[in-house]
Each structure stands twice: as structure tokens, then as C-alpha cells.
Amino acid sequence: MDTAVNGTVAPGFEGVRSAFAQNFEERGERGAGVVVYRDGRRIVDLYAGTRDIDGQAAWTPGTGQVLRSATKGLAAAALLLLHQRGELDLDAPVGAYWPEFKAHGKEDALVRHVLAHRAGVPALDRPLTPAEAADPERGAAAVAAQAPFWAPGTDHGYHAQTYSWLTGELVRRVTGRSLGAFVAEEIAGPARADVWIGLPAAEAHRAGRVGPAEAPAASGAPRSRPKRALVEAYTNPESLTRRAFDSITPAPDENDPDYRAAELPGSNGIGTADGLARFYAALIGEVDGGTRLFTPETVRLARTEASSGPDRVLAVPSRFGLGYMLHGIASPLLTPHSFGHPGRGGALGFADPETGIAFGYVTNGMSAGVTADPRAQALVRAVREVVVEPRHGDA
């Protein structure tokens, strides 16, 4: 696919442009944007292709896309900001704020367990329909009534969908506001970042349509086969993996305006590449002289390992800080100091305090991968070659 790449890169970052163009040529990209900040200054701003996966209108710098689980980074920021302000105790039981959650042996689940995917409720015995899932009271009630799959705090497994209601209800109980409203007023607004949980009607025209994307097979290049256990985890309807990802059944139509207007903090945020990168830049420093969101201590909480090892849901080893994935096999980031979150099928946002880098990539083409999309990884490698390897060697 011969697609013109638009936008700018700072001197030295031409490799990012080349990797971005290669995504369209070799990796099935249809429409995407990537933005990188360094020490609060935008150094990469690239976009190309079509706004809609099934359309012809051009992608523009203001084009937003569904972030899927990259939304979790925004949700985590809400809880960590409340902790930073002294309004939420990470070591308090979830039930101290949400008494109904203590049912069925979950009274020992702590707020930090929610952030580190250790709360023990990654799935629901009865999945919710999309309409039920969009009702925050219905979702919260389902999670509160769910018996844990392991004793909270003793193990970890990715809370793919239930993260929405866990984080959303904690914010509501502490502030009286929805998590989407909190993000709009306390995070996106001060950071001047185009990211939303619950897309406002006035911004709906900016969000492109998403759909499946698959890289064309390279001539003569063998494809690696996933391990049998991994295939079983993602294809067996009875596995905890499938049950976690299928906690909303049937799968919602991500192009439905009603779905996009709903607030699912674990999966349905909308953002531009600049909005996602700018959000992460604001977590670790000032952006264009604007507000810094996290104190150094809160950054430390975000990127200090709280869970690691075999993930009972992802079926691969994973690493989490409080609310954020950390650099590792499941989600390679820039350096071991990075923290952020991918979205299943493509999107990726992260910050790296050591290098001052903040990264945002969004796409309308959803691949089959879960945490390490080849297109995003190609872009991260290109950034690493410039800012990491000359100083520290191969990361």
C-alpha cells in the first residue's frame, strides 16, 4: 500500500517516519497516527491513511480512535490522583469505600489490588450484554456479587473488562462523579489532551471507524506459531482467559455511537495520538508550560512492580505497576523504567521518566494481537534507537 506520510519529526527521528511508512507498506496499516514528546516538547507528529478503516476520507491530526485497553492508563491515573490528594488510600480495603464489594470473601481485596490486577475478579459468572455493561450501576453490582477466582492479593490475572467497573465505582464512591467526568475535568482538561471516556456528542465527528486488520503474508517468510497452551487459553470458551475477555457478550459494536458515548474505563476510551502522548507527557512533567499531573512519588507508584510472573488471564508472563503495564515480554516498552498500557489490537501509550519520552499511537486497524502489536513495536524500536541505544546500549 503506497500511502503518503504526513506530519513532522525532529532531526534525528527520521527513523520513526520510516518505520511508520513501513507499517503501511508491510504490516497492513490502513490509518494511524503516532506522536512522541520529549521533556514536554512534541518531537514526532505523524499521520497517514484513512480516518475510517472502511472509508476514503483522509486521517487528520485531530482524528481519534477507540483505544480499547489503552484506556486503562487513564482510569489508573484517576485513582492515583485521588491517592495523591489524600482522598483514596491504596492500602484500604475496596469495601471501605464500596461496602457491597465485600461479598463472597472479597473483604481482603485492597485498592492497590485493583490497580495491580490482583483483585481476583477478572471475569463474571454471567457475562453482561453491551447494554448492561454500559450501565455503571449494573456493572458495579455484577462485580460486587462475583465470587473471586482466587483469594484477592495472592495472585494476578488481567482484569480485561471488569477493570471498568472496579475503577469506575471506586471513583464514583470517593468523588460522586463518574470516572469519565473525573478524567475530563481533572486530567484531560488540565493536560489539554484530546482523550475521552464517554465520547461527547460534540466530538463524535472526530472519531474514525475501526475494523479488523491483518498484515499481508510476506513472500517466503515463515510465520511463527503460538504455543498450544496459548491457543487453548484464547480459544476455549471455558478458559479464564476467554471468560475475562468475554465478560461483555456479545462483543459490542465499537463503531456504535451509543457504545462510544458510554463510560467503560477499561476498554472504550477515544483519543488522538497527540492526546494519548500528551496525557503521558503530563504525568511525568510539564507540557508546553502546562500542568504536571503526577508527583515524583506517584510516578514511582505507577512504575514500581506490583505484579509479575505468569498471568492467569493473559497466559503469558506479565508485569504491572499500580495501574500500568511495565516493560516486559507481554508489553515491551522503551526501557525498564517505562510505564503505560497497550490496547488489544493496536493502540499504545506510555511514559519513560528516564528519557523524558511520552508516546502515543492509535490506529483504525485492529489486529489479532493482545499486548505487543508489531506496528506499535516497530515505532517504539525506532524511538529506542535514537534516545536509548546511543547512551545505554541495546535495551
Protein backbone atom coordinates (compact mmCIF):
# COMPACT_ATOMS: atom_id res chain seq x y z
CA MET A 1 0.00 0.00 0.00
CA ASP A 2 1.57 3.28 -1.15
CA THR A 3 0.44 5.81 1.46
CA ALA A 4 1.78 9.32 1.90
CA VAL A 5 3.01 10.04 5.42
CA ASN A 6 2.11 13.50 6.73
CA GLY A 7 3.46 15.46 9.66
CA THR A 8 6.85 16.29 11.12
CA VAL A 9 9.76 14.74 13.00
CA ALA A 10 12.61 16.45 14.80
CA PRO A 11 16.10 15.98 13.36
CA GLY A 12 17.43 12.56 14.27
CA PHE A 13 14.00 10.94 14.43
CA GLU A 14 13.66 10.24 10.72
CA GLY A 15 13.75 6.52 11.53
CA VAL A 16 10.34 6.85 13.15
CA ARG A 17 8.92 8.18 9.89
CA SER A 18 10.48 5.26 8.02
CA ALA A 19 9.03 2.73 10.46
CA PHE A 20 5.62 4.41 10.25
CA ALA A 21 5.68 4.24 6.44
CA GLN A 22 6.76 0.61 6.61
CA ASN A 23 3.69 -0.20 8.73
CA PHE A 24 1.53 0.78 5.76
CA GLU A 25 3.71 -1.00 3.25
CA GLU A 26 4.24 -4.29 5.09
CA ARG A 27 2.06 -4.57 8.20
CA GLY A 28 -1.45 -3.90 6.92
CA GLU A 29 -1.87 -0.43 8.36
CA ARG A 30 -4.89 1.43 6.97
CA GLY A 31 -4.98 4.64 9.02
CA ALA A 32 -2.92 5.67 12.05
CA GLY A 33 -1.18 8.42 13.97
CA VAL A 34 1.90 8.46 16.20
CA VAL A 35 3.09 11.29 18.43
CA VAL A 36 6.14 11.45 20.68
CA TYR A 37 7.00 14.08 23.28
CA ARG A 38 10.42 14.53 24.84
CA ASP A 39 10.72 16.60 28.01
CA GLY A 40 7.30 18.11 27.29
CA ARG A 41 8.08 19.08 23.69
CA ARG A 42 6.49 17.35 20.70
CA ILE A 43 9.23 15.83 18.53
CA VAL A 44 7.24 13.39 16.37
CA ASP A 45 3.79 14.07 14.90
CA LEU A 46 2.92 11.71 12.04
CA TYR A 47 -0.33 10.58 10.48
CA ALA A 48 -1.35 8.79 7.31
CA GLY A 49 -4.06 6.78 5.62
CA THR A 50 -7.80 6.98 6.05
CA ARG A 51 -9.84 8.13 9.00
CA ASP A 52 -12.15 5.09 8.72
CA ILE A 53 -10.98 1.52 8.18
CA ASP A 54 -13.72 1.16 5.55
CA GLY A 55 -13.63 4.67 4.08
CA GLN A 56 -11.65 7.07 1.92
CA ALA A 57 -11.64 10.30 3.97
CA ALA A 58 -8.11 11.24 4.99
CA TRP A 59 -6.79 10.92 8.52
CA THR A 60 -6.09 14.32 10.07
CA PRO A 61 -4.14 15.35 13.20
CA GLY A 62 -7.44 15.60 15.06
CA THR A 63 -8.62 12.08 14.23
CA GLY A 64 -9.44 9.98 17.28
CA GLN A 65 -9.87 6.22 17.57
CA VAL A 66 -11.06 3.65 20.07
CA LEU A 67 -8.21 2.96 22.50
CA ARG A 68 -9.51 -0.33 23.89
CA SER A 69 -7.38 -1.24 26.93
CA ALA A 70 -5.06 1.72 26.45
CA THR A 71 -7.99 3.44 28.22
CA LYS A 72 -6.85 1.70 31.42
CA GLY A 73 -3.97 4.15 31.73
CA LEU A 74 -6.47 6.99 32.06
CA ALA A 75 -8.54 5.08 34.61
CA ALA A 76 -5.44 4.30 36.67
CA ALA A 77 -4.45 7.96 36.63
CA ALA A 78 -7.79 8.88 38.20
CA LEU A 79 -7.24 6.53 41.14
CA LEU A 80 -3.62 7.55 41.61
CA LEU A 81 -4.53 11.23 41.54
CA LEU A 82 -7.12 10.65 44.25
CA HIS A 83 -4.46 8.88 46.29
CA GLN A 84 -2.02 11.73 45.63
CA ARG A 85 -4.60 14.16 47.01
CA GLY A 86 -5.20 12.06 50.12
CA GLU A 87 -8.74 11.07 49.14
CA LEU A 88 -8.10 7.38 48.40
CA ASP A 89 -5.98 5.02 50.49
CA LEU A 90 -4.29 2.38 48.33
CA ASP A 91 -3.92 0.09 51.34
CA ALA A 92 -7.57 0.33 52.39
CA PRO A 93 -9.99 -2.47 51.54
CA VAL A 94 -12.12 -1.79 48.50
CA GLY A 95 -15.07 -2.48 50.80
CA ALA A 96 -14.19 0.55 52.93
CA TYR A 97 -15.43 2.71 50.03
CA TRP A 98 -17.79 0.21 48.43
CA PRO A 99 -19.33 -2.00 51.12
CA GLU A 100 -21.22 -4.23 48.69
CA PHE A 101 -17.90 -5.40 47.22
CA LYS A 102 -17.03 -7.37 50.37
CA ALA A 103 -19.41 -10.21 49.37
CA HIS A 104 -18.16 -13.78 48.83
CA GLY A 105 -14.80 -13.44 50.53
CA LYS A 106 -13.56 -10.25 48.88
CA GLU A 107 -13.27 -8.29 52.12
CA ASP A 108 -9.45 -8.52 51.94
CA ALA A 109 -9.23 -7.01 48.45
CA LEU A 110 -7.32 -3.73 48.67
CA VAL A 111 -7.46 -0.74 46.36
CA ARG A 112 -3.89 -1.47 45.26
CA HIS A 113 -5.02 -4.98 44.27
CA VAL A 114 -7.49 -3.45 41.81
CA LEU A 115 -4.72 -1.41 40.19
CA ALA A 116 -2.31 -4.36 40.04
CA HIS A 117 -4.87 -6.87 38.65
CA ARG A 118 -4.79 -8.86 41.89
CA ALA A 119 -8.42 -8.34 42.98
CA GLY A 120 -9.43 -11.86 41.92
CA VAL A 121 -12.44 -10.94 39.79
CA PRO A 122 -11.24 -10.86 36.16
CA ALA A 123 -14.44 -12.48 34.86
CA LEU A 124 -18.15 -12.80 35.60
CA ASP A 125 -20.14 -15.99 36.05
CA ARG A 126 -22.80 -14.39 33.87
CA PRO A 127 -21.45 -12.04 31.22
CA LEU A 128 -23.17 -8.71 30.70
CA THR A 129 -24.76 -7.65 27.45
CA PRO A 130 -23.39 -4.45 25.88
CA ALA A 131 -26.42 -2.54 27.14
CA GLU A 132 -25.96 -3.89 30.67
CA ALA A 133 -22.24 -3.18 30.57
CA ALA A 134 -22.87 0.45 29.65
CA ASP A 135 -24.92 0.88 32.83
CA PRO A 136 -22.32 1.63 35.53
CA GLU A 137 -24.64 0.58 38.36
CA ARG A 138 -25.38 -2.76 36.68
CA GLY A 139 -21.69 -3.40 36.02
CA ALA A 140 -20.64 -2.48 39.55
CA ALA A 141 -23.34 -4.69 41.05
CA ALA A 142 -22.21 -7.66 38.94
CA VAL A 143 -18.60 -7.31 40.05
CA ALA A 144 -19.59 -6.82 43.69
CA ALA A 145 -21.68 -10.01 43.61
CA GLN A 146 -18.97 -12.06 41.90
CA ALA A 147 -17.10 -14.70 43.91
CA PRO A 148 -13.33 -14.33 43.42
CA PHE A 149 -11.40 -16.75 41.23
CA TRP A 150 -8.51 -16.62 43.71
CA ALA A 151 -8.01 -15.07 47.13
CA PRO A 152 -7.52 -11.34 46.46
CA GLY A 153 -3.90 -10.30 46.66
CA THR A 154 -2.44 -13.81 46.29
CA ASP A 155 -2.06 -13.91 42.50
CA HIS A 156 -2.57 -11.77 39.43
CA GLY A 157 -4.55 -12.03 36.22
CA TYR A 158 -5.53 -9.33 33.76
CA HIS A 159 -8.95 -7.83 34.55
CA ALA A 160 -9.70 -7.14 30.89
CA GLN A 161 -13.31 -5.93 31.21
CA THR A 162 -14.09 -5.90 34.92
CA TYR A 163 -11.44 -3.20 35.37
CA SER A 164 -14.06 -0.79 34.02
CA TRP A 165 -16.50 -1.29 36.86
CA LEU A 166 -13.86 -1.72 39.58
CA THR A 167 -12.16 1.61 38.85
CA GLY A 168 -15.34 3.42 37.85
CA GLU A 169 -17.17 2.55 41.03
CA LEU A 170 -14.25 3.48 43.28
CA VAL A 171 -14.06 6.92 41.69
CA ARG A 172 -17.83 7.36 41.98
CA ARG A 173 -17.85 6.36 45.65
CA VAL A 174 -14.98 8.72 46.52
CA THR A 175 -15.90 11.75 44.40
CA GLY A 176 -19.57 11.41 43.47
CA ARG A 177 -18.55 11.80 39.82
CA SER A 178 -18.25 9.25 37.07
CA LEU A 179 -14.74 8.25 36.08
CA GLY A 180 -15.30 9.77 32.64
CA ALA A 181 -16.26 13.10 34.17
CA PHE A 182 -13.27 12.98 36.50
CA VAL A 183 -10.91 12.33 33.59
CA ALA A 184 -12.43 15.19 31.58
CA GLU A 185 -12.23 17.68 34.45
CA GLU A 186 -9.10 16.66 36.33
CA ILE A 187 -6.86 15.00 33.73
CA ALA A 188 -7.67 15.72 30.09
CA GLY A 189 -8.65 19.32 30.78
CA PRO A 190 -5.52 20.38 32.70
CA ALA A 191 -3.29 18.43 30.29
CA ARG A 192 -5.14 19.82 27.25
CA ALA A 193 -5.24 16.25 25.92
CA ASP A 194 -7.83 15.00 23.43
CA VAL A 195 -8.83 11.83 25.27
CA TRP A 196 -12.29 10.86 26.47
CA ILE A 197 -14.01 8.11 28.43
CA GLY A 198 -17.54 8.65 27.22
CA LEU A 199 -17.21 10.47 23.92
CA PRO A 200 -19.15 13.78 23.98
CA ALA A 201 -21.64 14.25 21.16
CA ALA A 202 -19.83 17.42 20.11
CA GLU A 203 -16.64 15.41 19.46
CA ALA A 204 -18.22 12.34 17.86
CA HIS A 205 -17.39 13.52 14.33
CA ARG A 206 -13.68 13.23 15.11
CA ALA A 207 -13.67 9.51 15.85
CA GLY A 208 -12.93 7.19 12.94
CA ARG A 209 -14.43 3.78 12.33
CA VAL A 210 -12.36 0.77 13.38
CA GLY A 211 -12.25 -2.74 11.99
CA PRO A 212 -10.04 -5.83 11.69
CA ALA A 213 -6.64 -5.52 10.04
CA GLU A 214 -4.18 -8.23 9.13
CA ALA A 215 -0.70 -7.82 7.76
CA PRO A 216 -0.22 -9.37 4.33
CA ALA A 217 1.87 -12.51 4.34
CA ALA A 218 5.46 -11.74 3.38
CA SER A 219 6.63 -13.80 0.44
CA GLY A 220 8.60 -16.79 1.65
CA ALA A 221 8.64 -15.61 5.26
CA PRO A 222 7.52 -18.30 7.73
CA ARG A 223 5.06 -17.27 10.42
CA SER A 224 5.73 -18.34 13.98
CA ARG A 225 3.11 -20.50 15.61
CA PRO A 226 1.84 -19.60 19.08
CA LYS A 227 2.29 -22.19 21.79
CA ARG A 228 -0.51 -24.74 22.17
CA ALA A 229 -1.30 -23.58 25.72
CA LEU A 230 -1.71 -20.00 24.50
CA VAL A 231 -4.01 -21.08 21.68
CA GLU A 232 -6.07 -23.14 24.12
CA ALA A 233 -6.40 -20.20 26.53
CA TYR A 234 -7.77 -17.87 23.85
CA THR A 235 -10.00 -20.37 22.02
CA ASN A 236 -11.53 -22.45 24.82
CA PRO A 237 -14.80 -20.75 25.89
CA GLU A 238 -14.38 -22.22 29.39
CA SER A 239 -10.88 -20.85 29.99
CA LEU A 240 -10.42 -17.95 32.36
CA THR A 241 -8.80 -16.04 29.51
CA ARG A 242 -11.86 -16.24 27.29
CA ARG A 243 -14.22 -15.66 30.19
CA ALA A 244 -12.32 -12.50 31.16
CA PHE A 245 -12.35 -11.01 27.67
CA ASP A 246 -15.94 -12.18 27.13
CA SER A 247 -17.30 -10.52 30.27
CA ILE A 248 -19.28 -8.43 27.79
CA THR A 249 -21.14 -10.80 25.45
CA PRO A 250 -21.82 -10.44 22.59
CA ALA A 251 -18.88 -8.22 21.76
CA PRO A 252 -20.05 -4.60 21.47
CA ASP A 253 -20.05 -2.73 18.20
CA GLU A 254 -17.16 -0.33 18.75
CA ASN A 255 -18.44 1.95 15.98
CA ASP A 256 -21.86 2.38 17.61
CA PRO A 257 -22.29 5.99 18.81
CA ASP A 258 -24.13 4.77 21.91
CA TYR A 259 -21.23 2.48 22.83
CA ARG A 260 -18.74 5.29 22.35
CA ALA A 261 -20.80 7.65 24.49
CA ALA A 262 -20.88 5.11 27.34
CA GLU A 263 -18.18 5.05 30.02
CA LEU A 264 -16.18 1.81 30.16
CA PRO A 265 -12.86 2.87 31.69
CA GLY A 266 -11.20 -0.42 30.83
CA SER A 267 -11.95 -0.55 27.14
CA ASN A 268 -13.84 2.18 25.26
CA GLY A 269 -11.88 5.40 25.60
CA ILE A 270 -11.40 7.52 22.49
CA GLY A 271 -8.26 9.50 21.83
CA THR A 272 -6.00 11.08 19.27
CA ALA A 273 -2.35 10.08 19.03
CA ASP A 274 -1.42 13.50 20.37
CA GLY A 275 -3.98 13.24 23.16
CA LEU A 276 -2.59 9.89 24.33
CA ALA A 277 1.04 11.02 24.14
CA ARG A 278 0.27 14.38 25.76
CA PHE A 279 -1.54 12.64 28.63
CA TYR A 280 1.55 10.56 29.39
CA ALA A 281 3.83 13.57 28.97
CA ALA A 282 1.75 15.42 31.59
CA LEU A 283 2.11 12.52 34.03
CA ILE A 284 5.87 12.95 34.20
CA GLY A 285 6.40 16.67 33.55
CA GLU A 286 5.12 19.97 32.26
CA VAL A 287 3.91 20.10 28.67
CA ASP A 288 4.17 23.45 26.93
CA GLY A 289 4.37 25.04 30.35
CA GLY A 290 1.14 23.35 31.44
CA THR A 291 0.15 21.32 34.47
CA ARG A 292 2.14 18.30 35.64
CA LEU A 293 -0.28 15.66 36.91
CA PHE A 294 1.82 13.19 38.95
CA THR A 295 4.31 13.99 41.67
CA PRO A 296 7.58 12.02 41.54
CA GLU A 297 6.22 9.76 44.30
CA THR A 298 3.11 8.95 42.27
CA VAL A 299 5.27 8.20 39.23
CA ARG A 300 7.19 5.80 41.44
CA LEU A 301 3.96 4.04 42.41
CA ALA A 302 2.94 3.75 38.77
CA ARG A 303 6.18 2.14 37.66
CA THR A 304 7.20 0.05 40.69
CA GLU A 305 6.44 -3.62 40.10
CA ALA A 306 3.35 -4.82 41.98
CA SER A 307 2.60 -7.97 39.95
CA SER A 308 4.86 -10.18 37.86
CA GLY A 309 5.12 -13.69 36.51
CA PRO A 310 2.59 -15.98 34.85
CA ASP A 311 -0.65 -14.09 34.25
CA ARG A 312 -3.73 -16.23 34.90
CA VAL A 313 -5.64 -14.44 32.15
CA LEU A 314 -3.12 -13.35 29.53
CA ALA A 315 -1.47 -16.81 29.68
CA VAL A 316 2.00 -15.24 29.37
CA PRO A 317 4.24 -13.59 31.96
CA SER A 318 3.15 -10.03 32.65
CA ARG A 319 4.37 -7.15 34.81
CA PHE A 320 2.25 -4.41 36.35
CA GLY A 321 2.90 -1.39 38.49
CA LEU A 322 -0.10 0.25 40.09
CA GLY A 323 -2.42 0.57 37.12
CA TYR A 324 0.17 0.35 34.37
CA MET A 325 1.91 -2.36 32.41
CA LEU A 326 5.67 -2.34 32.77
CA HIS A 327 8.37 -3.18 30.25
CA GLY A 328 8.50 -6.95 29.76
CA ILE A 329 7.71 -9.88 27.49
CA ALA A 330 3.98 -9.18 27.35
CA SER A 331 4.36 -5.48 26.59
CA PRO A 332 7.81 -4.28 25.53
CA LEU A 333 8.11 -0.54 26.11
CA LEU A 334 11.06 1.84 25.73
CA THR A 335 13.21 0.96 28.75
CA PRO A 336 12.80 -0.90 32.06
CA HIS A 337 11.74 2.47 33.52
CA SER A 338 8.70 2.84 31.22
CA PHE A 339 5.08 2.52 32.30
CA GLY A 340 1.97 2.62 30.16
CA HIS A 341 -0.72 0.50 28.57
CA PRO A 342 -1.44 -1.15 25.24
CA GLY A 343 -4.86 -1.67 23.74
CA ARG A 344 -5.74 -5.06 22.32
CA GLY A 345 -5.22 -4.92 18.58
CA GLY A 346 -3.07 -1.83 18.29
CA ALA A 347 -3.07 1.30 20.45
CA LEU A 348 -0.18 2.04 22.80
CA GLY A 349 0.63 4.84 25.21
CA PHE A 350 3.46 5.11 27.73
CA ALA A 351 5.86 7.41 29.52
CA ASP A 352 9.53 6.89 30.30
CA PRO A 353 10.77 9.15 33.10
CA GLU A 354 14.43 8.31 32.48
CA THR A 355 14.44 9.60 28.90
CA GLY A 356 11.57 12.09 29.19
CA ILE A 357 9.75 10.31 26.37
CA ALA A 358 5.95 10.09 26.14
CA PHE A 359 4.49 8.03 23.31
CA GLY A 360 1.04 7.70 21.75
CA TYR A 361 -0.01 5.51 18.83
CA VAL A 362 -3.59 4.95 17.64
CA THR A 363 -4.94 3.04 14.65
CA ASN A 364 -8.22 2.11 12.99
CA GLY A 365 -6.97 -1.36 12.09
CA MET A 366 -7.40 -3.84 14.94
CA SER A 367 -5.02 -6.77 14.69
CA ALA A 368 -5.36 -10.12 16.43
CA GLY A 369 -2.61 -9.41 18.97
CA VAL A 370 -3.31 -8.54 22.59
CA THR A 371 -0.40 -6.61 24.11
CA ALA A 372 2.51 -6.24 21.64
CA ASP A 373 1.25 -5.10 18.25
CA PRO A 374 4.01 -5.31 15.58
CA ARG A 375 3.17 -1.84 14.23
CA ALA A 376 3.49 -0.16 17.61
CA GLN A 377 6.61 -2.16 18.42
CA ALA A 378 8.28 -1.05 15.17
CA LEU A 379 7.71 2.57 16.17
CA VAL A 380 8.99 2.00 19.71
CA ARG A 381 12.15 0.38 18.34
CA ALA A 382 12.73 3.37 16.10
CA VAL A 383 12.46 5.74 19.08
CA ARG A 384 14.72 3.49 21.17
CA GLU A 385 17.43 3.57 18.51
CA VAL A 386 17.62 7.34 18.91
CA VAL A 387 17.17 8.03 22.62
CA VAL A 388 18.31 4.85 24.38
CA GLU A 389 20.87 2.84 22.48
CA PRO A 390 23.43 5.62 21.93
CA ARG A 391 23.61 6.11 25.72
CA HIS A 392 22.90 2.70 27.22
CA GLY A 393 23.40 0.12 24.51
CA ASP A 394 20.73 -2.22 23.29
CA ALA A 395 17.74 -2.17 25.72
